[in-house]
């Protein structure tokens, strides 16, 4: 009788740091997406409903969730997050218990988060210059998604110190640039 194993033959392990990033991003991204979805449903049920994430004229989910940009594919963008973030969370947990995953999981994370990054850049532009309001829950999604896309590429090429440095610089640079654009748009 042979002992069975759950470890894939062609699997790769992911680093603890990246595993934690996926767990944290998956958790907070899902919470933000779920709350935004619930708020949108309540607003659809009652057009006079005051969203809990409406803080002031600039930080106002209500100004964002009612736009065409909030439903680019014909349904609320937040539903994409409700589907995607639990996947990141699960892959992160798998990494934390040192279980090897098929390489295509990590390739999928890199491609999916890369596409999400492109979509988020478009949404950032729309929020700043077309809608002229910021959705706090949307910004949570921005903050947790962007590092995943940069560090997923680095994780695929663990031996490349240059990519690790790139991921740190790109993430920090992205946060700095978006923060500067927000300050310039709304506070200067």
N, C-alpha and C. Protein backbone atom coordinates (compact mmCIF):
# COMPACT_ATOMS: atom_id res chain seq x y z
N UNK A 1 0.85 -1.18 0.00
CA UNK A 1 0.00 0.00 0.00
C UNK A 1 0.89 1.24 0.00
N UNK A 2 0.59 2.17 -0.88
CA UNK A 2 1.40 3.38 -0.97
C UNK A 2 0.74 4.51 -0.22
N UNK A 3 1.57 5.34 0.30
CA UNK A 3 1.08 6.51 1.02
C UNK A 3 0.71 7.59 0.01
N UNK A 4 -0.50 8.12 0.11
CA UNK A 4 -0.90 9.18 -0.82
C UNK A 4 -0.43 10.52 -0.30
N UNK A 5 -0.24 11.42 -1.21
CA UNK A 5 0.21 12.76 -0.83
C UNK A 5 -0.63 13.80 -1.55
N UNK A 6 -0.78 14.92 -0.92
CA UNK A 6 -1.56 16.01 -1.52
C UNK A 6 -0.68 16.99 -2.29
N UNK A 7 0.61 16.83 -2.20
CA UNK A 7 1.52 17.78 -2.85
C UNK A 7 1.63 17.44 -4.34
N UNK A 8 1.30 18.42 -5.20
CA UNK A 8 1.40 18.16 -6.64
C UNK A 8 2.85 17.88 -7.04
N UNK A 9 3.04 17.01 -8.03
CA UNK A 9 4.38 16.66 -8.47
C UNK A 9 5.11 17.86 -9.06
N UNK A 10 4.41 18.70 -9.77
CA UNK A 10 5.03 19.84 -10.43
C UNK A 10 4.70 21.14 -9.71
N UNK A 11 4.46 21.07 -8.43
CA UNK A 11 4.06 22.25 -7.69
C UNK A 11 5.21 23.16 -7.32
N UNK A 12 4.86 24.37 -6.97
CA UNK A 12 5.83 25.33 -6.47
C UNK A 12 5.32 25.85 -5.14
N UNK A 13 6.22 26.25 -4.29
CA UNK A 13 5.80 26.86 -3.04
C UNK A 13 5.90 28.37 -3.19
N UNK A 14 5.02 29.06 -2.48
CA UNK A 14 5.08 30.52 -2.52
C UNK A 14 5.62 31.01 -1.18
N UNK A 15 6.28 32.13 -1.21
CA UNK A 15 6.93 32.64 0.00
C UNK A 15 5.89 33.05 1.03
N UNK A 16 6.32 33.07 2.28
CA UNK A 16 5.41 33.47 3.37
C UNK A 16 4.95 34.91 3.19
N UNK A 17 5.86 35.78 2.77
CA UNK A 17 5.49 37.18 2.58
C UNK A 17 4.39 37.35 1.54
N UNK A 18 4.54 36.68 0.41
CA UNK A 18 3.52 36.76 -0.63
C UNK A 18 2.24 36.08 -0.18
N UNK A 19 2.37 34.97 0.56
CA UNK A 19 1.18 34.30 1.10
C UNK A 19 0.39 35.24 2.00
N UNK A 20 1.09 35.94 2.89
CA UNK A 20 0.41 36.90 3.77
C UNK A 20 -0.22 38.04 2.97
N UNK A 21 0.47 38.51 1.95
CA UNK A 21 -0.10 39.56 1.09
C UNK A 21 -1.41 39.09 0.48
N UNK A 22 -1.44 37.85 -0.01
CA UNK A 22 -2.67 37.32 -0.61
C UNK A 22 -3.78 37.18 0.42
N UNK A 23 -3.44 36.73 1.62
CA UNK A 23 -4.46 36.58 2.68
C UNK A 23 -5.04 37.94 3.05
N UNK A 24 -4.17 38.91 3.30
CA UNK A 24 -4.63 40.25 3.69
C UNK A 24 -5.41 40.91 2.55
N UNK A 25 -4.87 40.85 1.34
CA UNK A 25 -5.57 41.44 0.19
C UNK A 25 -6.90 40.75 -0.05
N UNK A 26 -6.91 39.43 0.04
CA UNK A 26 -8.15 38.69 -0.16
C UNK A 26 -9.20 39.04 0.87
N UNK A 27 -8.79 39.13 2.13
CA UNK A 27 -9.72 39.43 3.21
C UNK A 27 -10.30 40.84 3.07
N UNK A 28 -9.42 41.85 3.03
CA UNK A 28 -9.91 43.23 2.98
C UNK A 28 -10.57 43.56 1.64
N UNK A 29 -10.07 42.99 0.57
CA UNK A 29 -10.70 43.20 -0.73
C UNK A 29 -12.11 42.64 -0.77
N UNK A 30 -12.29 41.45 -0.18
CA UNK A 30 -13.63 40.86 -0.14
C UNK A 30 -14.57 41.69 0.73
N UNK A 31 -14.10 42.12 1.90
CA UNK A 31 -14.94 42.94 2.79
C UNK A 31 -15.38 44.21 2.07
N UNK A 32 -14.45 44.89 1.42
CA UNK A 32 -14.77 46.13 0.70
C UNK A 32 -15.75 45.85 -0.44
N UNK A 33 -15.50 44.81 -1.20
CA UNK A 33 -16.38 44.47 -2.33
C UNK A 33 -17.77 44.07 -1.86
N UNK A 34 -17.83 43.28 -0.80
CA UNK A 34 -19.12 42.83 -0.28
C UNK A 34 -19.93 44.00 0.26
N UNK A 35 -19.27 44.88 1.03
CA UNK A 35 -20.01 46.02 1.58
C UNK A 35 -20.49 46.94 0.46
N UNK A 36 -19.66 47.16 -0.52
CA UNK A 36 -20.05 48.01 -1.64
C UNK A 36 -21.22 47.39 -2.40
N UNK A 37 -21.21 46.07 -2.56
CA UNK A 37 -22.33 45.39 -3.23
C UNK A 37 -23.62 45.52 -2.42
N UNK A 38 -23.51 45.35 -1.12
CA UNK A 38 -24.69 45.48 -0.24
C UNK A 38 -25.23 46.91 -0.31
N UNK A 39 -24.33 47.88 -0.25
CA UNK A 39 -24.75 49.28 -0.32
C UNK A 39 -25.46 49.57 -1.65
N UNK A 40 -24.93 49.04 -2.73
CA UNK A 40 -25.54 49.26 -4.05
C UNK A 40 -26.93 48.63 -4.11
N UNK A 41 -27.08 47.43 -3.56
CA UNK A 41 -28.39 46.77 -3.54
C UNK A 41 -29.39 47.59 -2.73
N UNK A 42 -28.95 48.07 -1.58
CA UNK A 42 -29.84 48.91 -0.75
C UNK A 42 -30.25 50.18 -1.49
N UNK A 43 -29.32 50.76 -2.21
CA UNK A 43 -29.62 51.96 -2.98
C UNK A 43 -30.60 51.66 -4.12
N UNK A 44 -30.46 50.50 -4.74
CA UNK A 44 -31.39 50.11 -5.80
C UNK A 44 -32.79 49.87 -5.24
N UNK A 45 -32.86 49.31 -4.03
CA UNK A 45 -34.15 49.06 -3.38
C UNK A 45 -34.82 50.35 -2.93
N UNK A 46 -33.99 51.30 -2.47
CA UNK A 46 -34.51 52.56 -1.94
C UNK A 46 -33.62 53.71 -2.42
N UNK A 47 -34.03 54.42 -3.47
CA UNK A 47 -33.20 55.50 -4.02
C UNK A 47 -32.88 56.62 -3.02
N UNK A 48 -33.60 56.69 -1.90
CA UNK A 48 -33.31 57.71 -0.89
C UNK A 48 -32.33 57.21 0.17
N UNK A 49 -31.90 55.97 0.06
CA UNK A 49 -30.98 55.38 1.04
C UNK A 49 -29.67 56.16 1.07
N UNK A 50 -29.19 56.45 2.27
CA UNK A 50 -27.92 57.15 2.44
C UNK A 50 -26.81 56.12 2.69
N UNK A 51 -25.91 55.99 1.76
CA UNK A 51 -24.84 55.01 1.88
C UNK A 51 -23.93 55.32 3.06
N UNK A 52 -23.53 54.28 3.77
CA UNK A 52 -22.67 54.47 4.95
C UNK A 52 -21.28 54.97 4.57
N UNK A 53 -20.90 54.80 3.33
CA UNK A 53 -19.57 55.24 2.90
C UNK A 53 -19.58 56.64 2.28
N UNK A 54 -20.69 57.33 2.39
CA UNK A 54 -20.74 58.75 2.00
C UNK A 54 -20.24 59.57 3.18
N UNK A 55 -19.03 60.08 3.06
CA UNK A 55 -18.42 60.82 4.17
C UNK A 55 -18.53 62.32 3.95
N UNK A 56 -18.21 62.77 2.76
CA UNK A 56 -18.33 64.19 2.40
C UNK A 56 -18.46 64.28 0.88
N UNK A 57 -18.31 65.47 0.34
CA UNK A 57 -18.50 65.64 -1.11
C UNK A 57 -17.43 64.91 -1.93
N UNK A 58 -16.25 64.77 -1.39
CA UNK A 58 -15.16 64.10 -2.11
C UNK A 58 -15.20 62.59 -1.87
N UNK A 59 -15.30 62.18 -0.62
CA UNK A 59 -15.36 60.76 -0.27
C UNK A 59 -16.82 60.33 -0.23
N UNK A 60 -17.32 59.90 -1.37
CA UNK A 60 -18.75 59.61 -1.49
C UNK A 60 -18.99 58.42 -2.41
N UNK A 61 -19.30 57.29 -1.81
CA UNK A 61 -19.60 56.09 -2.63
C UNK A 61 -20.82 56.32 -3.50
N UNK A 62 -21.80 57.05 -2.97
CA UNK A 62 -23.03 57.28 -3.72
C UNK A 62 -22.80 57.98 -5.04
N UNK A 63 -21.82 58.87 -5.07
CA UNK A 63 -21.50 59.57 -6.31
C UNK A 63 -20.86 58.64 -7.32
N UNK A 64 -20.27 57.55 -6.85
CA UNK A 64 -19.54 56.63 -7.72
C UNK A 64 -20.41 55.45 -8.15
N UNK A 65 -21.12 54.82 -7.20
CA UNK A 65 -21.85 53.57 -7.51
C UNK A 65 -23.03 53.77 -8.45
N UNK A 66 -23.45 54.99 -8.64
CA UNK A 66 -24.58 55.25 -9.54
C UNK A 66 -24.15 55.56 -10.97
N UNK A 67 -22.85 55.55 -11.22
CA UNK A 67 -22.34 55.89 -12.56
C UNK A 67 -22.22 54.64 -13.43
N UNK A 68 -22.10 54.88 -14.73
CA UNK A 68 -21.87 53.77 -15.67
C UNK A 68 -20.55 53.06 -15.39
N UNK A 69 -19.56 53.81 -14.90
CA UNK A 69 -18.25 53.24 -14.62
C UNK A 69 -18.31 52.18 -13.52
N UNK A 70 -19.32 52.23 -12.66
CA UNK A 70 -19.44 51.27 -11.56
C UNK A 70 -19.99 49.92 -12.02
N UNK A 71 -20.46 49.87 -13.26
CA UNK A 71 -21.02 48.63 -13.82
C UNK A 71 -20.56 48.45 -15.26
N UNK A 72 -19.27 48.45 -15.46
CA UNK A 72 -18.69 48.43 -16.80
C UNK A 72 -19.14 47.22 -17.62
N UNK A 73 -19.28 46.08 -16.98
CA UNK A 73 -19.61 44.84 -17.70
C UNK A 73 -21.09 44.49 -17.61
N UNK A 74 -21.92 45.44 -17.18
CA UNK A 74 -23.36 45.20 -17.09
C UNK A 74 -23.81 44.77 -15.71
N UNK A 75 -22.90 44.60 -14.79
CA UNK A 75 -23.21 44.28 -13.40
C UNK A 75 -22.21 45.04 -12.53
N UNK A 76 -22.49 45.15 -11.26
CA UNK A 76 -21.63 45.93 -10.37
C UNK A 76 -20.20 45.40 -10.38
N UNK A 77 -19.23 46.30 -10.56
CA UNK A 77 -17.82 45.91 -10.54
C UNK A 77 -17.46 45.19 -9.25
N UNK A 78 -18.12 45.55 -8.16
CA UNK A 78 -17.81 44.95 -6.86
C UNK A 78 -18.06 43.44 -6.85
N UNK A 79 -18.93 42.96 -7.72
CA UNK A 79 -19.18 41.52 -7.80
C UNK A 79 -17.94 40.77 -8.30
N UNK A 80 -17.14 41.43 -9.13
CA UNK A 80 -15.89 40.83 -9.58
C UNK A 80 -14.98 40.60 -8.37
N UNK A 81 -14.91 41.62 -7.52
CA UNK A 81 -14.10 41.50 -6.30
C UNK A 81 -14.60 40.42 -5.37
N UNK A 82 -15.93 40.29 -5.27
CA UNK A 82 -16.49 39.25 -4.40
C UNK A 82 -16.13 37.86 -4.90
N UNK A 83 -15.91 37.71 -6.18
CA UNK A 83 -15.50 36.41 -6.73
C UNK A 83 -13.99 36.22 -6.67
N UNK A 84 -13.23 37.27 -6.93
CA UNK A 84 -11.77 37.14 -7.06
C UNK A 84 -11.03 37.13 -5.72
N UNK A 85 -11.45 37.96 -4.79
CA UNK A 85 -10.69 38.07 -3.54
C UNK A 85 -10.68 36.80 -2.70
N UNK A 86 -11.77 36.02 -2.64
CA UNK A 86 -11.67 34.75 -1.91
C UNK A 86 -10.66 33.77 -2.53
N UNK A 87 -10.46 33.86 -3.84
CA UNK A 87 -9.46 33.01 -4.50
C UNK A 87 -8.06 33.40 -4.00
N UNK A 88 -7.79 34.71 -3.94
CA UNK A 88 -6.49 35.16 -3.43
C UNK A 88 -6.31 34.71 -1.99
N UNK A 89 -7.36 34.87 -1.19
CA UNK A 89 -7.32 34.47 0.22
C UNK A 89 -6.98 32.98 0.34
N UNK A 90 -7.65 32.15 -0.44
CA UNK A 90 -7.43 30.70 -0.39
C UNK A 90 -6.01 30.33 -0.82
N UNK A 91 -5.53 30.93 -1.89
CA UNK A 91 -4.17 30.64 -2.34
C UNK A 91 -3.16 31.08 -1.29
N UNK A 92 -3.42 32.22 -0.65
CA UNK A 92 -2.55 32.68 0.43
C UNK A 92 -2.52 31.70 1.60
N UNK A 93 -3.68 31.19 1.98
CA UNK A 93 -3.73 30.20 3.07
C UNK A 93 -2.97 28.93 2.69
N UNK A 94 -3.12 28.51 1.45
CA UNK A 94 -2.39 27.33 0.97
C UNK A 94 -0.88 27.57 1.11
N UNK A 95 -0.45 28.77 0.74
CA UNK A 95 0.97 29.10 0.87
C UNK A 95 1.44 29.13 2.31
N UNK A 96 0.59 29.60 3.22
CA UNK A 96 0.98 29.69 4.62
C UNK A 96 1.17 28.32 5.27
N UNK A 97 0.50 27.31 4.76
CA UNK A 97 0.68 25.96 5.32
C UNK A 97 1.73 25.17 4.53
N UNK A 98 2.51 25.89 3.73
CA UNK A 98 3.62 25.31 2.96
C UNK A 98 3.19 24.22 1.99
N UNK A 99 2.01 24.33 1.47
CA UNK A 99 1.53 23.38 0.47
C UNK A 99 1.96 23.89 -0.90
N UNK A 100 2.49 23.04 -1.71
CA UNK A 100 2.89 23.43 -3.07
C UNK A 100 1.66 23.56 -3.95
N UNK A 101 1.66 24.55 -4.80
CA UNK A 101 0.54 24.76 -5.72
C UNK A 101 1.03 24.57 -7.15
N UNK A 102 0.13 24.21 -8.04
CA UNK A 102 0.53 24.14 -9.45
C UNK A 102 0.97 25.54 -9.92
N UNK A 103 1.99 25.58 -10.75
CA UNK A 103 2.53 26.86 -11.20
C UNK A 103 1.46 27.70 -11.90
N UNK A 104 0.51 27.04 -12.57
CA UNK A 104 -0.52 27.80 -13.29
C UNK A 104 -1.42 28.59 -12.33
N UNK A 105 -1.51 28.19 -11.06
CA UNK A 105 -2.25 29.01 -10.09
C UNK A 105 -1.59 30.39 -9.99
N UNK A 106 -0.28 30.36 -9.81
CA UNK A 106 0.46 31.62 -9.67
C UNK A 106 0.46 32.42 -10.96
N UNK A 107 0.54 31.74 -12.09
CA UNK A 107 0.43 32.43 -13.38
C UNK A 107 -0.95 33.07 -13.50
N UNK A 108 -1.98 32.36 -13.06
CA UNK A 108 -3.34 32.91 -13.06
C UNK A 108 -3.46 34.14 -12.18
N UNK A 109 -2.83 34.09 -11.00
CA UNK A 109 -2.84 35.26 -10.11
C UNK A 109 -2.14 36.43 -10.79
N UNK A 110 -1.01 36.17 -11.42
CA UNK A 110 -0.26 37.24 -12.08
C UNK A 110 -1.06 37.84 -13.23
N UNK A 111 -1.66 37.01 -14.06
CA UNK A 111 -2.44 37.52 -15.19
C UNK A 111 -3.70 38.22 -14.70
N UNK A 112 -4.43 37.58 -13.79
CA UNK A 112 -5.66 38.17 -13.27
C UNK A 112 -5.42 39.49 -12.56
N UNK A 113 -4.40 39.53 -11.72
CA UNK A 113 -4.11 40.77 -11.00
C UNK A 113 -3.54 41.83 -11.94
N UNK A 114 -2.83 41.41 -12.98
CA UNK A 114 -2.35 42.37 -13.98
C UNK A 114 -3.50 43.02 -14.72
N UNK A 115 -4.48 42.21 -15.13
CA UNK A 115 -5.68 42.76 -15.78
C UNK A 115 -6.46 43.65 -14.82
N UNK A 116 -6.54 43.23 -13.56
CA UNK A 116 -7.21 44.05 -12.55
C UNK A 116 -6.49 45.38 -12.39
N UNK A 117 -5.16 45.35 -12.42
CA UNK A 117 -4.36 46.57 -12.30
C UNK A 117 -4.69 47.55 -13.43
N UNK A 118 -4.79 47.05 -14.64
CA UNK A 118 -5.14 47.90 -15.79
C UNK A 118 -6.53 48.50 -15.59
N UNK A 119 -7.48 47.67 -15.19
CA UNK A 119 -8.85 48.12 -14.95
C UNK A 119 -8.89 49.16 -13.83
N UNK A 120 -8.12 48.92 -12.78
CA UNK A 120 -8.08 49.86 -11.66
C UNK A 120 -7.51 51.20 -12.09
N UNK A 121 -6.48 51.19 -12.94
CA UNK A 121 -5.92 52.47 -13.40
C UNK A 121 -6.98 53.27 -14.14
N UNK A 122 -7.78 52.60 -14.94
CA UNK A 122 -8.87 53.27 -15.66
C UNK A 122 -9.90 53.81 -14.66
N UNK A 123 -10.23 53.01 -13.65
CA UNK A 123 -11.20 53.45 -12.64
C UNK A 123 -10.67 54.63 -11.81
N UNK A 124 -9.38 54.61 -11.51
CA UNK A 124 -8.77 55.74 -10.80
C UNK A 124 -8.93 57.01 -11.63
N UNK A 125 -8.60 56.93 -12.90
CA UNK A 125 -8.76 58.09 -13.79
C UNK A 125 -10.22 58.55 -13.81
N UNK A 126 -11.13 57.63 -13.96
CA UNK A 126 -12.56 57.98 -13.99
C UNK A 126 -12.99 58.64 -12.69
N UNK A 127 -12.54 58.11 -11.56
CA UNK A 127 -12.90 58.68 -10.26
C UNK A 127 -12.37 60.10 -10.11
N UNK A 128 -11.12 60.30 -10.48
CA UNK A 128 -10.49 61.61 -10.30
C UNK A 128 -10.98 62.66 -11.28
N UNK A 129 -11.10 62.31 -12.56
CA UNK A 129 -11.28 63.34 -13.57
C UNK A 129 -12.63 63.34 -14.28
N UNK A 130 -13.40 62.28 -14.15
CA UNK A 130 -14.72 62.24 -14.78
C UNK A 130 -15.81 62.36 -13.72
N UNK A 131 -15.80 61.45 -12.75
CA UNK A 131 -16.80 61.46 -11.68
C UNK A 131 -16.49 62.54 -10.65
N UNK A 132 -15.22 62.78 -10.42
CA UNK A 132 -14.72 63.76 -9.45
C UNK A 132 -15.20 63.48 -8.03
N UNK A 133 -15.13 62.21 -7.67
CA UNK A 133 -15.43 61.77 -6.30
C UNK A 133 -14.66 60.47 -6.06
N UNK A 134 -14.42 60.18 -4.80
CA UNK A 134 -13.70 58.97 -4.43
C UNK A 134 -14.58 58.08 -3.57
N UNK A 135 -14.60 56.82 -3.89
CA UNK A 135 -15.34 55.83 -3.12
C UNK A 135 -14.36 55.17 -2.14
N UNK A 136 -14.56 55.33 -0.82
CA UNK A 136 -13.62 54.74 0.14
C UNK A 136 -13.43 53.23 -0.04
N UNK A 137 -14.53 52.49 -0.26
CA UNK A 137 -14.40 51.05 -0.45
C UNK A 137 -13.63 50.73 -1.73
N UNK A 138 -13.85 51.52 -2.76
CA UNK A 138 -13.10 51.31 -4.02
C UNK A 138 -11.61 51.53 -3.78
N UNK A 139 -11.28 52.53 -2.97
CA UNK A 139 -9.88 52.80 -2.70
C UNK A 139 -9.23 51.68 -1.90
N UNK A 140 -10.01 51.01 -1.03
CA UNK A 140 -9.48 49.84 -0.33
C UNK A 140 -9.10 48.77 -1.36
N UNK A 141 -9.97 48.56 -2.33
CA UNK A 141 -9.69 47.58 -3.39
C UNK A 141 -8.44 47.98 -4.17
N UNK A 142 -8.30 49.27 -4.48
CA UNK A 142 -7.11 49.72 -5.18
C UNK A 142 -5.86 49.37 -4.38
N UNK A 143 -5.90 49.71 -3.09
CA UNK A 143 -4.72 49.56 -2.22
C UNK A 143 -4.31 48.09 -2.07
N UNK A 144 -5.26 47.18 -2.00
CA UNK A 144 -4.88 45.77 -1.82
C UNK A 144 -4.58 45.07 -3.14
N UNK A 145 -5.13 45.56 -4.23
CA UNK A 145 -4.95 44.89 -5.53
C UNK A 145 -3.61 45.20 -6.19
N UNK A 146 -3.19 46.43 -6.12
CA UNK A 146 -1.99 46.84 -6.84
C UNK A 146 -0.74 46.08 -6.38
N UNK A 147 -0.49 45.97 -5.07
CA UNK A 147 0.70 45.20 -4.67
C UNK A 147 0.65 43.74 -5.14
N UNK A 148 -0.54 43.15 -5.16
CA UNK A 148 -0.65 41.75 -5.60
C UNK A 148 -0.14 41.62 -7.03
N UNK A 149 -0.52 42.55 -7.90
CA UNK A 149 -0.10 42.42 -9.30
C UNK A 149 1.42 42.55 -9.44
N UNK A 150 2.02 43.48 -8.73
CA UNK A 150 3.47 43.65 -8.84
C UNK A 150 4.23 42.49 -8.20
N UNK A 151 3.79 42.07 -7.01
CA UNK A 151 4.51 41.01 -6.31
C UNK A 151 4.24 39.63 -6.90
N UNK A 152 3.14 39.44 -7.61
CA UNK A 152 2.89 38.15 -8.27
C UNK A 152 3.95 37.91 -9.35
N UNK A 153 4.31 38.95 -10.07
CA UNK A 153 5.36 38.83 -11.08
C UNK A 153 6.69 38.48 -10.41
N UNK A 154 6.96 39.15 -9.30
CA UNK A 154 8.19 38.87 -8.56
C UNK A 154 8.19 37.44 -8.03
N UNK A 155 7.05 36.99 -7.56
CA UNK A 155 6.94 35.63 -7.00
C UNK A 155 7.18 34.56 -8.07
N UNK A 156 6.75 34.83 -9.28
CA UNK A 156 6.97 33.87 -10.38
C UNK A 156 8.46 33.70 -10.68
N UNK A 157 9.22 34.73 -10.37
CA UNK A 157 10.66 34.72 -10.65
C UNK A 157 11.41 34.98 -9.35
N UNK A 158 11.24 34.10 -8.38
CA UNK A 158 11.80 34.29 -7.04
C UNK A 158 13.30 34.53 -7.02
N UNK A 159 13.99 33.97 -7.97
CA UNK A 159 15.45 34.09 -7.97
C UNK A 159 15.94 35.45 -8.44
N UNK A 160 15.05 36.24 -9.00
CA UNK A 160 15.45 37.54 -9.53
C UNK A 160 15.28 38.63 -8.48
N UNK A 161 16.39 39.06 -7.92
CA UNK A 161 16.35 40.14 -6.94
C UNK A 161 15.86 41.43 -7.60
N UNK A 162 16.16 41.61 -8.90
CA UNK A 162 15.72 42.81 -9.61
C UNK A 162 14.21 42.93 -9.61
N UNK A 163 13.49 41.80 -9.78
CA UNK A 163 12.03 41.85 -9.79
C UNK A 163 11.47 42.15 -8.41
N UNK A 164 12.13 41.67 -7.37
CA UNK A 164 11.68 41.98 -6.00
C UNK A 164 11.82 43.48 -5.74
N UNK A 165 12.94 44.02 -6.17
CA UNK A 165 13.15 45.47 -6.02
C UNK A 165 12.13 46.23 -6.87
N UNK A 166 11.91 45.76 -8.10
CA UNK A 166 10.91 46.39 -8.97
C UNK A 166 9.54 46.40 -8.31
N UNK A 167 9.14 45.27 -7.73
CA UNK A 167 7.82 45.18 -7.11
C UNK A 167 7.68 46.19 -5.97
N UNK A 168 8.71 46.32 -5.17
CA UNK A 168 8.66 47.29 -4.06
C UNK A 168 8.61 48.72 -4.58
N UNK A 169 9.46 49.02 -5.55
CA UNK A 169 9.49 50.38 -6.11
C UNK A 169 8.19 50.70 -6.83
N UNK A 170 7.68 49.76 -7.62
CA UNK A 170 6.45 49.99 -8.37
C UNK A 170 5.27 50.21 -7.44
N UNK A 171 5.17 49.39 -6.39
CA UNK A 171 4.07 49.54 -5.43
C UNK A 171 4.17 50.87 -4.71
N UNK A 172 5.34 51.19 -4.19
CA UNK A 172 5.54 52.46 -3.49
C UNK A 172 5.30 53.64 -4.42
N UNK A 173 5.82 53.55 -5.63
CA UNK A 173 5.62 54.62 -6.62
C UNK A 173 4.15 54.81 -6.96
N UNK A 174 3.43 53.70 -7.12
CA UNK A 174 2.00 53.78 -7.43
C UNK A 174 1.26 54.49 -6.31
N UNK A 175 1.52 54.08 -5.06
CA UNK A 175 0.86 54.73 -3.92
C UNK A 175 1.17 56.22 -3.88
N UNK A 176 2.43 56.57 -4.11
CA UNK A 176 2.83 57.98 -4.09
C UNK A 176 2.15 58.77 -5.20
N UNK A 177 2.16 58.25 -6.41
CA UNK A 177 1.56 58.96 -7.55
C UNK A 177 0.06 59.14 -7.36
N UNK A 178 -0.65 58.09 -6.98
CA UNK A 178 -2.10 58.20 -6.80
C UNK A 178 -2.42 59.15 -5.65
N UNK A 179 -1.66 59.06 -4.56
CA UNK A 179 -1.88 59.99 -3.44
C UNK A 179 -1.66 61.43 -3.88
N UNK A 180 -0.60 61.67 -4.64
CA UNK A 180 -0.32 63.02 -5.14
C UNK A 180 -1.43 63.51 -6.07
N UNK A 181 -1.93 62.64 -6.93
CA UNK A 181 -3.02 63.03 -7.83
C UNK A 181 -4.29 63.36 -7.05
N UNK A 182 -4.58 62.60 -6.02
CA UNK A 182 -5.76 62.86 -5.19
C UNK A 182 -5.62 64.21 -4.48
N UNK A 183 -4.46 64.43 -3.88
CA UNK A 183 -4.22 65.71 -3.19
C UNK A 183 -4.31 66.87 -4.18
N UNK A 184 -3.67 66.73 -5.34
CA UNK A 184 -3.69 67.80 -6.34
C UNK A 184 -5.11 68.07 -6.84
N UNK A 185 -5.89 67.04 -7.03
CA UNK A 185 -7.24 67.20 -7.57
C UNK A 185 -8.20 67.81 -6.56
N UNK A 186 -8.16 67.33 -5.32
CA UNK A 186 -9.20 67.70 -4.37
C UNK A 186 -8.78 68.66 -3.27
N UNK A 187 -7.49 68.83 -3.04
CA UNK A 187 -7.08 69.61 -1.88
C UNK A 187 -6.14 70.77 -2.19
N UNK A 188 -5.78 70.96 -3.45
CA UNK A 188 -4.90 72.09 -3.77
C UNK A 188 -5.69 73.07 -4.61
